[in-house]
C-alpha atoms as a PDB file:
ATOM      1  CA  MET A   1       0.096 -14.024  20.558  1.00  0.00           C
ATOM      2  CA  PRO A   2      -2.866 -12.738  18.468  1.00  0.00           C
ATOM      3  CA  ALA A   3      -2.028 -11.242  15.084  1.00  0.00           C
ATOM      4  CA  PRO A   4      -2.288  -7.431  14.744  1.00  0.00           C
ATOM      5  CA  LYS A   5      -5.752  -6.281  13.791  1.00  0.00           C
ATOM      6  CA  SER A   6      -4.735  -5.008  10.336  1.00  0.00           C
ATOM      7  CA  GLU A   7      -3.063  -8.331   9.484  1.00  0.00           C
ATOM      8  CA  ARG A   8      -6.037 -10.287  10.848  1.00  0.00           C
ATOM      9  CA  LEU A   9      -8.525  -8.324   8.734  1.00  0.00           C
ATOM     10  CA  LEU A  10      -6.423  -8.751   5.605  1.00  0.00           C
ATOM     11  CA  ASN A  11      -6.105 -12.498   6.184  1.00  0.00           C
ATOM     12  CA  LEU A  12      -9.859 -12.814   6.757  1.00  0.00           C
ATOM     13  CA  LEU A  13     -10.597 -10.787   3.607  1.00  0.00           C
ATOM     14  CA  ILE A  14      -8.315 -13.011   1.524  1.00  0.00           C
ATOM     15  CA  MET A  15      -9.638 -16.243   3.048  1.00  0.00           C
ATOM     16  CA  LEU A  16     -13.273 -15.382   2.357  1.00  0.00           C
ATOM     17  CA  LEU A  17     -12.539 -13.926  -1.073  1.00  0.00           C
ATOM     18  CA  VAL A  18     -10.799 -16.983  -2.528  1.00  0.00           C
ATOM     19  CA  GLN A  19     -13.441 -19.485  -1.361  1.00  0.00           C
ATOM     20  CA  ARG A  20     -15.324 -21.356  -4.071  1.00  0.00           C
ATOM     21  CA  ARG A  21     -17.775 -22.498  -1.367  1.00  0.00           C
ATOM     22  CA  PRO A  22     -18.706 -21.040   2.051  1.00  0.00           C
ATOM     23  CA  ILE A  23     -16.247 -21.932   4.823  1.00  0.00           C
ATOM     24  CA  ALA A  24     -17.482 -22.934   8.282  1.00  0.00           C
ATOM     25  CA  LYS A  25     -16.799 -20.784  11.322  1.00  0.00           C
ATOM     26  CA  ASP A  26     -14.857 -23.516  13.111  1.00  0.00           C
ATOM     27  CA  ARG A  27     -12.530 -23.803  10.095  1.00  0.00           C
ATOM     28  CA  ILE A  28     -11.991 -20.053  10.129  1.00  0.00           C
ATOM     29  CA  ARG A  29     -11.054 -20.237  13.794  1.00  0.00           C
ATOM     30  CA  GLU A  30      -8.712 -23.179  13.202  1.00  0.00           C
ATOM     31  CA  LEU A  31      -6.850 -21.432  10.373  1.00  0.00           C
ATOM     32  CA  LEU A  32      -6.861 -17.744  11.345  1.00  0.00           C
ATOM     33  CA  TYR A  33      -7.532 -17.600  15.106  1.00  0.00           C
ATOM     34  CA  PRO A  34      -5.775 -20.773  16.347  1.00  0.00           C
ATOM     35  CA  ASP A  35      -4.618 -19.378  19.707  1.00  0.00           C
ATOM     36  CA  SER A  36      -7.917 -17.802  20.753  1.00  0.00           C
ATOM     37  CA  ARG A  37     -10.354 -19.143  23.342  1.00  0.00           C
ATOM     38  CA  PRO A  38     -13.882 -19.905  22.047  1.00  0.00           C
ATOM     39  CA  ASP A  39     -15.426 -16.815  23.655  1.00  0.00           C
ATOM     40  CA  ALA A  40     -12.564 -14.558  22.520  1.00  0.00           C
ATOM     41  CA  PHE A  41     -12.807 -15.951  18.978  1.00  0.00           C
ATOM     42  CA  GLU A  42     -16.546 -15.235  18.813  1.00  0.00           C
ATOM     43  CA  LYS A  43     -15.980 -11.597  19.807  1.00  0.00           C
ATOM     44  CA  MET A  44     -13.006 -11.075  17.483  1.00  0.00           C
ATOM     45  CA  PHE A  45     -14.658 -12.765  14.521  1.00  0.00           C
ATOM     46  CA  GLU A  46     -17.885 -10.780  14.903  1.00  0.00           C
ATOM     47  CA  ARG A  47     -15.923  -7.522  15.220  1.00  0.00           C
ATOM     48  CA  ASP A  48     -13.730  -8.328  12.232  1.00  0.00           C
ATOM     49  CA  LYS A  49     -16.708  -9.389  10.117  1.00  0.00           C
ATOM     50  CA  ASP A  50     -18.621  -6.214  11.020  1.00  0.00           C
ATOM     51  CA  GLU A  51     -15.565  -4.072  10.263  1.00  0.00           C
ATOM     52  CA  LEU A  52     -15.181  -5.603   6.809  1.00  0.00           C
ATOM     53  CA  ARG A  53     -18.864  -4.967   6.137  1.00  0.00           C
ATOM     54  CA  SER A  54     -18.525  -1.368   7.338  1.00  0.00           C
ATOM     55  CA  LEU A  55     -15.792  -0.960   4.695  1.00  0.00           C
ATOM     56  CA  GLY A  56     -18.201  -2.131   2.004  1.00  0.00           C
ATOM     57  CA  VAL A  57     -17.013  -5.744   1.811  1.00  0.00           C
ATOM     58  CA  PRO A  58     -20.025  -8.051   1.149  1.00  0.00           C
ATOM     59  CA  VAL A  59     -19.452 -10.895   3.635  1.00  0.00           C
ATOM     60  CA  GLU A  60     -22.058 -13.488   2.688  1.00  0.00           C
ATOM     61  CA  VAL A  61     -23.632 -16.126   4.959  1.00  0.00           C
ATOM     62  CA  ALA A  62     -24.779 -19.245   3.096  1.00  0.00           C
ATOM     63  CA  SER A  63     -25.460 -22.936   3.649  1.00  0.00           C
ATOM     64  CA  ILE A  64     -22.420 -25.164   3.356  1.00  0.00           C
ATOM     65  CA  ASP A  65     -24.496 -28.166   2.270  1.00  0.00           C
ATOM     66  CA  PRO A  66     -27.874 -27.729   0.511  1.00  0.00           C
ATOM     67  CA  LEU A  67     -29.147 -30.817   2.372  1.00  0.00           C
ATOM     68  CA  PHE A  68     -28.361 -29.317   5.788  1.00  0.00           C
ATOM     69  CA  GLU A  69     -29.444 -25.688   5.784  1.00  0.00           C
ATOM     70  CA  ASP A  70     -28.546 -25.189   9.449  1.00  0.00           C
ATOM     71  CA  GLU A  71     -24.838 -25.595   8.652  1.00  0.00           C
ATOM     72  CA  VAL A  72     -23.780 -22.145   7.470  1.00  0.00           C
ATOM     73  CA  GLY A  73     -20.475 -20.744   6.303  1.00  0.00           C
ATOM     74  CA  TYR A  74     -18.995 -17.469   5.093  1.00  0.00           C
ATOM     75  CA  ARG A  75     -17.503 -16.184   1.855  1.00  0.00           C
ATOM     76  CA  ILE A  76     -17.085 -12.992  -0.173  1.00  0.00           C
ATOM     77  CA  PRO A  77     -18.507 -13.315  -3.719  1.00  0.00           C
ATOM     78  CA  PRO A  78     -15.828 -11.843  -6.030  1.00  0.00           C
ATOM     79  CA  GLU A  79     -18.476 -10.586  -8.443  1.00  0.00           C
ATOM     80  CA  ALA A  80     -20.131  -8.588  -5.641  1.00  0.00           C
ATOM     81  CA  PHE A  81     -16.827  -7.243  -4.301  1.00  0.00           C
ATOM     82  CA  ALA A  82     -15.348  -6.168  -7.640  1.00  0.00           C
ATOM     83  CA  LEU A  83     -15.789  -2.553  -8.695  1.00  0.00           C
ATOM     84  CA  PRO A  84     -17.792  -1.794 -11.838  1.00  0.00           C
ATOM     85  CA  ASP A  85     -16.048  -0.199 -14.814  1.00  0.00           C
ATOM     86  CA  ILE A  86     -15.042   3.337 -13.848  1.00  0.00           C
ATOM     87  CA  GLU A  87     -14.126   6.170 -16.182  1.00  0.00           C
ATOM     88  CA  LEU A  88     -11.556   8.562 -14.720  1.00  0.00           C
ATOM     89  CA  THR A  89     -10.223  11.894 -15.884  1.00  0.00           C
ATOM     90  CA  PRO A  90      -6.441  12.010 -16.434  1.00  0.00           C
ATOM     91  CA  GLU A  91      -6.037  13.850 -13.106  1.00  0.00           C
ATOM     92  CA  GLU A  92      -8.112  11.247 -11.227  1.00  0.00           C
ATOM     93  CA  ALA A  93      -6.229   8.419 -12.885  1.00  0.00           C
ATOM     94  CA  ALA A  94      -2.936   9.940 -11.751  1.00  0.00           C
ATOM     95  CA  VAL A  95      -4.104  10.049  -8.131  1.00  0.00           C
ATOM     96  CA  VAL A  96      -5.377   6.463  -8.266  1.00  0.00           C
ATOM     97  CA  GLY A  97      -2.126   5.336  -9.858  1.00  0.00           C
ATOM     98  CA  ILE A  98      -0.059   6.881  -7.078  1.00  0.00           C
ATOM     99  CA  ALA A  99      -2.307   5.440  -4.371  1.00  0.00           C
ATOM    100  CA  SER A 100      -2.324   1.936  -5.849  1.00  0.00           C
ATOM    101  CA  ARG A 101       1.472   1.799  -5.799  1.00  0.00           C
ATOM    102  CA  VAL A 102       1.479   1.915  -1.993  1.00  0.00           C
ATOM    103  CA  TRP A 103       0.127  -1.647  -1.748  1.00  0.00           C
ATOM    104  CA  GLN A 104       3.049  -3.369  -3.404  1.00  0.00           C
ATOM    105  CA  HIS A 105       4.624  -3.332   0.058  1.00  0.00           C
ATOM    106  CA  ALA A 106       6.237  -6.676   0.817  1.00  0.00           C
ATOM    107  CA  THR A 107       4.385  -7.133   4.120  1.00  0.00           C
ATOM    108  CA  MET A 108       1.004  -7.081   2.391  1.00  0.00           C
ATOM    109  CA  ALA A 109       2.228  -9.459  -0.297  1.00  0.00           C
ATOM    110  CA  GLN A 110       3.548 -11.773   2.431  1.00  0.00           C
ATOM    111  CA  ALA A 111       0.199 -11.693   4.243  1.00  0.00           C
ATOM    112  CA  THR A 112      -1.523 -12.721   1.017  1.00  0.00           C
ATOM    113  CA  THR A 113       0.927 -15.575   0.516  1.00  0.00           C
ATOM    114  CA  ASP A 114       0.512 -16.770   4.116  1.00  0.00           C
ATOM    115  CA  ALA A 115      -3.289 -16.792   3.924  1.00  0.00           C
ATOM    116  CA  VAL A 116      -3.370 -18.741   0.655  1.00  0.00           C
ATOM    117  CA  ARG A 117      -0.721 -21.169   1.934  1.00  0.00           C
ATOM    118  CA  LYS A 118      -2.783 -21.951   5.053  1.00  0.00           C
ATOM    119  CA  LEU A 119      -5.877 -22.612   2.954  1.00  0.00           C
ATOM    120  CA  SER A 120      -4.041 -24.810   0.462  1.00  0.00           C
ATOM    121  CA  ALA A 121      -2.347 -26.793   3.248  1.00  0.00           C
ATOM    122  CA  ALA A 122      -5.752 -27.425   4.804  1.00  0.00           C
ATOM    123  CA  GLY A 123      -6.973 -28.951   1.532  1.00  0.00           C
ATOM    124  CA  ILE A 124      -9.384 -26.096   0.775  1.00  0.00           C
ATOM    125  CA  ASP A 125     -10.091 -25.352  -2.904  1.00  0.00           C
ATOM    126  CA  VAL A 126      -9.190 -21.703  -3.545  1.00  0.00           C
ATOM    127  CA  ASP A 127      -9.851 -19.389  -6.463  1.00  0.00           C
ATOM    128  CA  LEU A 128      -6.635 -17.393  -6.909  1.00  0.00           C
ATOM    129  CA  ASP A 129      -8.145 -15.337  -9.748  1.00  0.00           C
ATOM    130  CA  ALA A 130     -10.273 -13.569  -7.137  1.00  0.00           C
ATOM    131  CA  LEU A 131      -7.120 -12.029  -5.663  1.00  0.00           C
ATOM    132  CA  GLU A 132      -6.757  -9.782  -8.714  1.00  0.00           C
ATOM    133  CA  ILE A 133      -9.443  -7.599  -7.085  1.00  0.00           C
ATOM    134  CA  ALA A 134      -7.223  -6.914  -4.061  1.00  0.00           C
ATOM    135  CA  GLN A 135      -3.803  -7.346  -5.625  1.00  0.00           C
ATOM    136  CA  PRO A 136      -0.984  -5.505  -3.812  1.00  0.00           C
ATOM    137  CA  LEU A 137       1.035  -3.297  -6.131  1.00  0.00           C
ATOM    138  CA  LEU A 138       3.984  -1.194  -4.579  1.00  0.00           C
ATOM    139  CA  THR A 139       7.273  -1.372  -2.783  1.00  0.00           C
ATOM    140  CA  ALA A 140       8.356   0.500   0.323  1.00  0.00           C
ATOM    141  CA  GLU A 141      11.918  -0.607   0.951  1.00  0.00           C
ATOM    142  CA  GLU A 142      12.511   1.146   4.271  1.00  0.00           C
ATOM    143  CA  PRO A 143      12.403  -1.356   7.189  1.00  0.00           C
ATOM    144  CA  ALA A 144      10.577   1.253   9.300  1.00  0.00           C
ATOM    145  CA  PHE A 145       7.577   1.303   6.939  1.00  0.00           C
ATOM    146  CA  GLU A 146       5.771  -1.757   8.280  1.00  0.00           C
ATOM    147  CA  THR A 147       5.627  -0.789  11.961  1.00  0.00           C
ATOM    148  CA  CYS A 148       4.821   2.845  11.165  1.00  0.00           C
ATOM    149  CA  TRP A 149       1.963   1.790   8.864  1.00  0.00           C
ATOM    150  CA  ILE A 150       0.506  -0.583  11.454  1.00  0.00           C
ATOM    151  CA  ALA A 151       0.841   2.089  14.158  1.00  0.00           C
ATOM    152  CA  VAL A 152      -1.077   4.571  11.990  1.00  0.00           C
ATOM    153  CA  CYS A 153      -3.868   2.036  11.419  1.00  0.00           C
ATOM    154  CA  GLU A 154      -4.030   1.105  15.117  1.00  0.00           C
ATOM    155  CA  ARG A 155      -3.383   4.671  16.427  1.00  0.00           C
ATOM    156  CA  MET A 156      -0.480   3.469  18.571  1.00  0.00           C
ATOM    157  CA  ALA A 157       2.385   5.709  19.678  1.00  0.00           C
ATOM    158  CA  ILE A 158       5.864   4.801  18.449  1.00  0.00           C
ATOM    159  CA  GLU A 159       9.474   5.510  19.376  1.00  0.00           C
ATOM    160  CA  PHE A 160      12.578   5.197  17.244  1.00  0.00           C
ATOM    161  CA  ASP A 161      16.178   6.379  16.947  1.00  0.00           C
ATOM    162  CA  TYR A 162      16.498   9.083  14.309  1.00  0.00           C
ATOM    163  CA  LYS A 163      19.669  10.581  12.850  1.00  0.00           C
ATOM    164  CA  ARG A 164      19.388  13.994  11.281  1.00  0.00           C
ATOM    165  CA  PRO A 165      21.781  15.050   8.468  1.00  0.00           C
ATOM    166  CA  GLY A 166      25.098  16.229   9.887  1.00  0.00           C
ATOM    167  CA  ALA A 167      24.400  14.841  13.365  1.00  0.00           C
ATOM    168  CA  ASP A 168      26.963  12.575  15.014  1.00  0.00           C
ATOM    169  CA  ASN A 169      24.462  10.463  16.922  1.00  0.00           C
ATOM    170  CA  ALA A 170      20.849   9.383  16.607  1.00  0.00           C
ATOM    171  CA  LEU A 171      18.279  10.675  19.093  1.00  0.00           C
ATOM    172  CA  THR A 172      15.238   8.776  20.347  1.00  0.00           C
ATOM    173  CA  ARG A 173      11.981  10.350  19.144  1.00  0.00           C
ATOM    174  CA  HIS A 174       8.484   9.732  20.512  1.00  0.00           C
ATOM    175  CA  VAL A 175       5.671  10.218  17.994  1.00  0.00           C
ATOM    176  CA  GLN A 176       1.931   9.775  17.640  1.00  0.00           C
ATOM    177  CA  PRO A 177       1.814   8.904  13.912  1.00  0.00           C
ATOM    178  CA  TRP A 178      -0.977  10.421  11.820  1.00  0.00           C
ATOM    179  CA  GLY A 179       0.004   8.983   8.450  1.00  0.00           C
ATOM    180  CA  VAL A 180       2.708   7.585   6.196  1.00  0.00           C
ATOM    181  CA  VAL A 181       3.172   9.504   2.968  1.00  0.00           C
ATOM    182  CA  ARG A 182       5.455   9.481  -0.058  1.00  0.00           C
ATOM    183  CA  TYR A 183       6.707  12.942  -0.956  1.00  0.00           C
ATOM    184  CA  SER A 184       9.421  13.914  -3.449  1.00  0.00           C
ATOM    185  CA  GLY A 185      10.364  10.279  -3.938  1.00  0.00           C
ATOM    186  CA  ARG A 186      10.840   9.560  -0.217  1.00  0.00           C
ATOM    187  CA  TRP A 187       8.685   7.969   2.505  1.00  0.00           C
ATOM    188  CA  TYR A 188       7.857  10.016   5.627  1.00  0.00           C
ATOM    189  CA  VAL A 189       5.907   9.367   8.793  1.00  0.00           C
ATOM    190  CA  VAL A 190       3.880  12.424   9.798  1.00  0.00           C
ATOM    191  CA  GLY A 191       2.581  12.970  13.315  1.00  0.00           C
ATOM    192  CA  HIS A 192       2.753  14.669  16.683  1.00  0.00           C
ATOM    193  CA  ASP A 193       6.242  14.784  18.206  1.00  0.00           C
ATOM    194  CA  SER A 194       5.564  14.269  21.928  1.00  0.00           C
ATOM    195  CA  ASP A 195       8.993  15.586  22.955  1.00  0.00           C
ATOM    196  CA  ARG A 196       8.548  18.887  21.121  1.00  0.00           C
ATOM    197  CA  GLY A 197       4.791  19.191  21.406  1.00  0.00           C
ATOM    198  CA  ALA A 198       4.350  19.926  17.692  1.00  0.00           C
ATOM    199  CA  GLU A 199       3.673  18.275  14.347  1.00  0.00           C
ATOM    200  CA  ARG A 200       6.761  16.879  12.651  1.00  0.00           C
ATOM    201  CA  VAL A 201       7.785  14.731   9.674  1.00  0.00           C
ATOM    202  CA  PHE A 202      10.457  12.040   9.808  1.00  0.00           C
ATOM    203  CA  ARG A 203      12.089  10.498   6.768  1.00  0.00           C
ATOM    204  CA  LEU A 204      11.915   6.724   7.146  1.00  0.00           C
ATOM    205  CA  SER A 205      15.317   6.104   5.566  1.00  0.00           C
ATOM    206  CA  ARG A 206      16.912   8.041   8.458  1.00  0.00           C
ATOM    207  CA  VAL A 207      15.392   5.836  11.157  1.00  0.00           C
ATOM    208  CA  GLN A 208      18.134   3.837  12.875  1.00  0.00           C
ATOM    209  CA  GLY A 209      17.176   0.323  13.953  1.00  0.00           C
ATOM    210  CA  PRO A 210      13.626  -0.918  14.623  1.00  0.00           C
ATOM    211  CA  VAL A 211      10.546   1.228  15.270  1.00  0.00           C
ATOM    212  CA  ARG A 212       8.926   0.300  18.599  1.00  0.00           C
ATOM    213  CA  THR A 213       5.225   0.639  19.416  1.00  0.00           C
ATOM    214  CA  VAL A 214       4.429   2.134  22.815  1.00  0.00           C
ATOM    215  CA  GLY A 215       1.168   1.708  24.725  1.00  0.00           C
ATOM    216  CA  PRO A 216      -2.224   0.352  23.671  1.00  0.00           C
ATOM    217  CA  PRO A 217      -4.095   0.800  20.358  1.00  0.00           C
ATOM    218  CA  GLY A 218      -6.466   3.751  20.094  1.00  0.00           C
ATOM    219  CA  ALA A 219      -4.301   5.835  22.416  1.00  0.00           C
ATOM    220  CA  TYR A 220      -4.855   9.130  20.575  1.00  0.00           C
ATOM    221  CA  ASP A 221      -7.015  10.802  17.936  1.00  0.00           C
ATOM    222  CA  VAL A 222      -5.770  12.358  14.723  1.00  0.00           C
ATOM    223  CA  PRO A 223      -6.784  16.059  14.605  1.00  0.00           C
ATOM    224  CA  PRO A 224      -9.786  16.705  12.347  1.00  0.00           C
ATOM    225  CA  ASP A 225      -9.061  17.751   8.750  1.00  0.00           C
ATOM    226  CA  THR A 226      -5.415  16.650   9.001  1.00  0.00           C
ATOM    227  CA  ASP A 227      -3.748  16.567   5.576  1.00  0.00           C
ATOM    228  CA  VAL A 228      -0.537  14.587   5.984  1.00  0.00           C
ATOM    229  CA  ARG A 229       0.597  15.336   2.429  1.00  0.00           C
ATOM    230  CA  GLU A 230       0.264  19.073   3.001  1.00  0.00           C
ATOM    231  CA  ILE A 231       2.216  18.755   6.258  1.00  0.00           C
ATOM    232  CA  ALA A 232       4.965  16.809   4.486  1.00  0.00           C
ATOM    233  CA  ARG A 233       5.075  19.418   1.739  1.00  0.00           C
ATOM    234  CA  ARG A 234       5.377  22.189   4.330  1.00  0.00           C
ATOM    235  CA  LEU A 235       7.851  20.589   6.734  1.00  0.00           C
ATOM    236  CA  ALA A 236       9.986  18.202   4.653  1.00  0.00           C
ATOM    237  CA  PRO A 237      13.343  19.641   3.531  1.00  0.00           C
ATOM    238  CA  PRO A 238      13.447  20.820  -0.082  1.00  0.00           C
ATOM    239  CA  THR A 239      14.943  18.493  -2.673  1.00  0.00           C
ATOM    240  CA  GLY A 240      16.758  19.206  -5.922  1.00  0.00           C
ATOM    241  CA  THR A 241      14.757  19.107  -9.149  1.00  0.00           C
ATOM    242  CA  GLU A 242      15.650  17.779 -12.570  1.00  0.00           C
ATOM    243  CA  HIS A 243      14.365  18.369 -16.088  1.00  0.00           C
ATOM    244  CA  ALA A 244      13.124  15.097 -17.592  1.00  0.00           C
ATOM    245  CA  VAL A 245      12.058  14.270 -21.143  1.00  0.00           C
ATOM    246  CA  LEU A 246       9.895  11.191 -21.700  1.00  0.00           C
ATOM    247  CA  LEU A 247       8.080   9.393 -24.480  1.00  0.00           C
ATOM    248  CA  VAL A 248       4.641   8.455 -23.146  1.00  0.00           C
ATOM    249  CA  ARG A 249       2.133   6.203 -24.847  1.00  0.00           C
ATOM    250  CA  HIS A 250      -1.101   8.070 -25.650  1.00  0.00           C
ATOM    251  CA  GLY A 251      -3.624   7.627 -22.816  1.00  0.00           C
ATOM    252  CA  ALA A 252      -0.996   6.466 -20.294  1.00  0.00           C
ATOM    253  CA  GLY A 253       1.540   8.011 -17.909  1.00  0.00           C
ATOM    254  CA  HIS A 254      -0.913  10.407 -16.232  1.00  0.00           C
ATOM    255  CA  VAL A 255       1.379  10.760 -13.218  1.00  0.00           C
ATOM    256  CA  PHE A 256       3.811  12.587 -15.538  1.00  0.00           C
ATOM    257  CA  ARG A 257       1.240  14.402 -17.645  1.00  0.00           C
ATOM    258  CA  ARG A 258      -0.450  15.974 -14.637  1.00  0.00           C
ATOM    259  CA  ASN A 259       2.424  18.394 -13.868  1.00  0.00           C
ATOM    260  CA  ALA A 260       4.071  18.508 -17.284  1.00  0.00           C
ATOM    261  CA  ASP A 261       5.812  21.691 -18.459  1.00  0.00           C
ATOM    262  CA  ARG A 262       5.161  20.789 -22.085  1.00  0.00           C
ATOM    263  CA  ILE A 263       3.404  18.003 -24.013  1.00  0.00           C
ATOM    264  CA  GLU A 264       3.983  17.420 -27.733  1.00  0.00           C
ATOM    265  CA  THR A 265       1.502  14.968 -29.215  1.00  0.00           C
ATOM    266  CA  GLY A 266       1.884  12.566 -32.116  1.00  0.00           C
ATOM    267  CA  VAL A 267       5.662  12.074 -31.999  1.00  0.00           C
ATOM    268  CA  ALA A 268       7.626   9.023 -33.140  1.00  0.00           C
ATOM    269  CA  GLY A 269       7.793   6.372 -30.433  1.00  0.00           C
ATOM    270  CA  PRO A 270       9.589   3.079 -29.788  1.00  0.00           C
ATOM    271  CA  ASP A 271       6.847   1.138 -31.595  1.00  0.00           C
ATOM    272  CA  HIS A 272       4.234   1.770 -34.262  1.00  0.00           C
ATOM    273  CA  HIS A 273       1.312   0.034 -32.548  1.00  0.00           C
ATOM    274  CA  SER A 274       0.007   3.169 -30.796  1.00  0.00           C
ATOM    275  CA  ALA A 275       0.398   6.935 -30.670  1.00  0.00           C
ATOM    276  CA  TRP A 276       3.122   8.532 -28.531  1.00  0.00           C
ATOM    277  CA  ASP A 277       3.565  11.932 -26.906  1.00  0.00           C
ATOM    278  CA  ARG A 278       6.718  13.754 -25.805  1.00  0.00           C
ATOM    279  CA  VAL A 279       6.369  14.958 -22.211  1.00  0.00           C
ATOM    280  CA  GLU A 280       8.752  17.399 -20.511  1.00  0.00           C
ATOM    281  CA  ILE A 281       8.568  17.778 -16.750  1.00  0.00           C
ATOM    282  CA  THR A 282      10.538  19.382 -13.918  1.00  0.00           C
ATOM    283  CA  ARG A 283      10.397  17.278 -10.765  1.00  0.00           C
ATOM    284  CA  PRO A 284      12.531  15.954  -7.881  1.00  0.00           C
ATOM    285  CA  ALA A 285      15.267  13.650  -9.108  1.00  0.00           C
ATOM    286  CA  ILE A 286      14.681  11.236  -6.226  1.00  0.00           C
ATOM    287  CA  GLY A 287      12.364   8.423  -7.285  1.00  0.00           C
ATOM    288  CA  LEU A 288      12.297   9.316 -11.004  1.00  0.00           C
ATOM    289  CA  ALA A 289      13.698   5.944 -12.081  1.00  0.00           C
ATOM    290  CA  ASP A 290      11.194   4.080  -9.892  1.00  0.00           C
ATOM    291  CA  ASP A 291       8.266   6.064 -11.284  1.00  0.00           C
ATOM    292  CA  VAL A 292       9.337   5.407 -14.880  1.00  0.00           C
ATOM    293  CA  LEU A 293       9.802   1.685 -14.258  1.00  0.00           C
ATOM    294  CA  ALA A 294       6.378   1.501 -12.598  1.00  0.00           C
ATOM    295  CA  GLN A 295       4.777   2.527 -15.923  1.00  0.00           C
ATOM    296  CA  GLY A 296       6.197  -0.520 -17.715  1.00  0.00           C
ATOM    297  CA  SER A 297       6.346  -0.256 -21.507  1.00  0.00           C
ATOM    298  CA  ASP A 298       4.120   2.844 -21.607  1.00  0.00           C
ATOM    299  CA  VAL A 299       6.890   5.299 -20.684  1.00  0.00           C
ATOM    300  CA  VAL A 300      10.448   5.658 -22.021  1.00  0.00           C
ATOM    301  CA  LEU A 301      12.863   8.110 -20.373  1.00  0.00           C
ATOM    302  CA  LEU A 302      15.098  10.044 -22.789  1.00  0.00           C
ATOM    303  CA  GLU A 303      16.687  12.540 -20.386  1.00  0.00           C
ATOM    304  CA  PRO A 304      18.492  12.894 -18.028  1.00  0.00           C
ATOM    305  CA  VAL A 305      20.962  10.420 -19.490  1.00  0.00           C
ATOM    306  CA  ALA A 306      22.334   9.308 -16.091  1.00  0.00           C
ATOM    307  CA  VAL A 307      18.870   8.276 -14.836  1.00  0.00           C
ATOM    308  CA  ARG A 308      18.111   6.600 -18.184  1.00  0.00           C
ATOM    309  CA  GLN A 309      21.269   4.504 -17.798  1.00  0.00           C
ATOM    310  CA  ARG A 310      20.260   3.464 -14.276  1.00  0.00           C
ATOM    311  CA  ILE A 311      16.913   2.274 -15.632  1.00  0.00           C
ATOM    312  CA  ILE A 312      18.630   0.289 -18.413  1.00  0.00           C
ATOM    313  CA  ASP A 313      21.015  -1.289 -15.904  1.00  0.00           C
ATOM    314  CA  ARG A 314      18.116  -2.389 -13.674  1.00  0.00           C
ATOM    315  CA  LEU A 315      16.162  -3.845 -16.614  1.00  0.00           C
ATOM    316  CA  GLU A 316      19.222  -5.737 -17.842  1.00  0.00           C
ATOM    317  CA  LEU A 317      19.744  -7.138 -14.344  1.00  0.00           C
ATOM    318  CA  VAL A 318      16.141  -8.384 -14.259  1.00  0.00           C
ATOM    319  CA  ALA A 319      16.498  -9.886 -17.750  1.00  0.00           C
ATOM    320  CA  ARG A 320      19.588 -11.810 -16.670  1.00  0.00           C
END
């Protein structure tokens, strides 16, 4: 069975990015499209290559052997794919930081591992340093995340059993997903509820059992100007807030600075190597520990004490 399009594109991106030398088309077919017929492979490979180029990925065609110029292969030069140095405002850096955390999802990390393993097993010399350009960075622990994300990318309808708070039984819901979004420390799928004929949000942690795709890819269009975060903000149930006090290294922790109630600069910090600020913020309690841990040594939580203790317990567990 052919791999899903999103997985196929990611594998192709990784394969071409880690090459020290161009790789021949027949090798690409052998490693990434092993179950495809020759004519089907040609169509899929050309479509995938064109799609990567349309996303700004510089897929390069070059001779495999300088003595035989008619033998060509493909690769992505890391120096051409890497972004130049970019200066961001604190607000822009906060948005980029939140977005980058989405790609630490285990499925993407597994796809990277699988692609590199196939290349190494085939005896191909790979440059793992090139993967720093496309390194995945964030965790989504809900089992429903993977299928919902793929369905959004492929525009495929989904169905799943969903249990609302206080309900005795789960009900089957049929949705055309428009996006997957993190809001107030929780993951939601946002889309059109076919049973109710209206836009709805569903918290992924309340999905019971597997999410099932229904019908072919490209089965619907997302309405123009759809803002899934605004929909989640409008339709998701309200969550309790908590007052947090943090020590934040100067120039870091923009995700907390952006909505801070108060910032006191030049305070004493846990080390003397850099300047520290005291940041006070009111925000949903859900996900606070995860957001602090994601900042590494640049952020120290002082209050609330209960969340601080949870962070210490998790760090001690990792250290052991």
